């Protein structure tokens, strides 16, 4: 593994760990080996998964490994109804111009790709 990939220890909807230091934001893009995916989908919902409502915890509790990598910019997340409404507004503001696609957010156009 390269320096840019580290194993996940835990996932939470809350800020963890508490205190000063770097925090990572979860951007879920998963690539599975067929055997691992088959194993995962046959696992029962885990205790931590039920508590946090995060399926990644099922994999971690079952001893599966999830690698994490740093990215320069995290996209907006959609975890609540308010998030969904915000993203719908962004998509309503899509501008297609000269073959490029951009979205408007806070008065600035940013590339989707």
Protein backbone atom coordinates (compact mmCIF):
# COMPACT_ATOMS: atom_id res chain seq x y z
CA UNK A 1 0.00 0.00 0.00
CA UNK A 2 1.17 3.53 -0.74
CA UNK A 3 1.50 6.38 1.71
CA UNK A 4 -1.85 7.77 0.54
CA UNK A 5 -3.89 4.75 1.69
CA UNK A 6 -4.49 3.84 5.33
CA UNK A 7 -6.88 1.32 6.91
CA UNK A 8 -10.12 2.66 8.38
CA UNK A 9 -10.46 2.23 12.13
CA UNK A 10 -14.06 3.41 12.55
CA UNK A 11 -16.78 5.48 10.88
CA UNK A 12 -19.26 7.78 12.61
CA UNK A 13 -21.74 10.48 11.80
CA UNK A 14 -20.25 12.39 14.73
CA UNK A 15 -16.86 14.09 14.86
CA UNK A 16 -14.33 11.57 16.11
CA UNK A 17 -11.89 11.49 17.73
CA UNK A 18 -12.64 14.29 20.15
CA UNK A 19 -9.98 16.95 20.65
CA UNK A 20 -7.44 18.75 18.54
CA UNK A 21 -6.04 17.22 15.39
CA UNK A 22 -6.91 16.29 11.84
CA UNK A 23 -10.38 15.06 10.95
CA UNK A 24 -11.20 13.07 7.83
CA UNK A 25 -14.46 13.36 5.96
CA UNK A 26 -15.86 10.17 4.50
CA UNK A 27 -16.41 10.09 0.74
CA UNK A 28 -17.71 6.59 0.01
CA UNK A 29 -16.41 5.18 -3.25
CA UNK A 30 -16.07 1.42 -2.99
CA UNK A 31 -14.36 -1.17 -5.16
CA UNK A 32 -15.01 -4.76 -4.14
CA UNK A 33 -13.48 -8.07 -5.04
CA UNK A 34 -16.32 -10.45 -5.90
CA UNK A 35 -15.54 -12.80 -2.99
CA UNK A 36 -15.46 -9.93 -0.47
CA UNK A 37 -18.72 -8.44 -1.73
CA UNK A 38 -20.45 -11.84 -1.60
CA UNK A 39 -19.22 -12.27 1.98
CA UNK A 40 -20.35 -8.75 2.97
CA UNK A 41 -23.90 -9.01 1.60
CA UNK A 42 -24.43 -12.27 3.51
CA UNK A 43 -23.35 -10.80 6.85
CA UNK A 44 -26.10 -9.85 9.30
CA UNK A 45 -26.46 -6.20 10.25
CA UNK A 46 -23.95 -5.55 13.05
CA UNK A 47 -24.48 -3.87 16.40
CA UNK A 48 -22.41 -0.79 15.55
CA UNK A 49 -24.04 -0.58 12.13
CA UNK A 50 -27.46 -0.48 13.77
CA UNK A 51 -26.30 2.17 16.22
CA UNK A 52 -24.55 4.49 13.72
CA UNK A 53 -26.60 3.58 10.60
CA UNK A 54 -23.39 3.04 8.63
CA UNK A 55 -22.94 -0.23 6.73
CA UNK A 56 -19.15 0.21 6.67
CA UNK A 57 -19.15 -0.76 10.35
CA UNK A 58 -20.60 -4.18 9.43
CA UNK A 59 -17.52 -4.83 7.32
CA UNK A 60 -15.10 -3.59 9.99
CA UNK A 61 -16.79 -5.62 12.74
CA UNK A 62 -16.52 -8.70 10.54
CA UNK A 63 -12.76 -8.14 10.22
CA UNK A 64 -12.88 -6.82 6.68
CA UNK A 65 -10.47 -4.05 5.71
CA UNK A 66 -11.49 -0.70 4.24
CA UNK A 67 -8.72 1.46 2.82
CA UNK A 68 -8.93 5.24 3.07
CA UNK A 69 -7.17 7.75 0.86
CA UNK A 70 -6.89 11.52 1.06
CA UNK A 71 -8.56 13.59 -1.65
CA UNK A 72 -7.99 17.26 -2.42
CA UNK A 73 -11.67 18.24 -2.24
CA UNK A 74 -14.67 16.39 -0.84
CA UNK A 75 -18.02 16.65 -2.60
CA UNK A 76 -21.12 17.61 -0.66
CA UNK A 77 -22.80 14.76 1.19
CA UNK A 78 -26.45 13.75 1.12
CA UNK A 79 -27.38 12.36 4.53
CA UNK A 80 -30.51 14.30 5.45
CA UNK A 81 -33.61 15.68 3.75
CA UNK A 82 -32.05 19.16 3.95
CA UNK A 83 -28.91 17.85 2.18
CA UNK A 84 -31.09 16.35 -0.56
CA UNK A 85 -32.93 19.63 -1.06
CA UNK A 86 -29.60 21.50 -1.30
CA UNK A 87 -28.23 19.04 -3.88
CA UNK A 88 -31.46 19.24 -5.90
CA UNK A 89 -31.04 23.03 -5.97
CA UNK A 90 -27.45 22.60 -7.19
CA UNK A 91 -28.59 20.33 -10.01
CA UNK A 92 -31.32 22.79 -10.97
CA UNK A 93 -28.52 25.34 -11.39
CA UNK A 94 -26.44 23.21 -13.77
CA UNK A 95 -24.95 25.14 -16.65
CA UNK A 96 -23.94 23.35 -19.83
CA UNK A 97 -21.66 25.54 -21.89
CA UNK A 98 -19.16 24.71 -24.64
CA UNK A 99 -19.24 20.99 -23.84
CA UNK A 100 -18.33 21.42 -20.17
CA UNK A 101 -20.63 20.85 -17.24
CA UNK A 102 -20.44 23.07 -14.18
CA UNK A 103 -22.60 23.77 -11.19
CA UNK A 104 -23.24 27.03 -9.38
CA UNK A 105 -22.72 27.11 -5.64
CA UNK A 106 -22.49 30.34 -3.66
CA UNK A 107 -22.18 32.32 -6.86
CA UNK A 108 -19.12 30.39 -8.11
CA UNK A 109 -19.08 27.86 -10.94
CA UNK A 110 -17.13 24.68 -10.22
CA UNK A 111 -16.50 21.77 -12.54
CA UNK A 112 -18.32 18.51 -11.77
CA UNK A 113 -15.59 16.50 -13.55
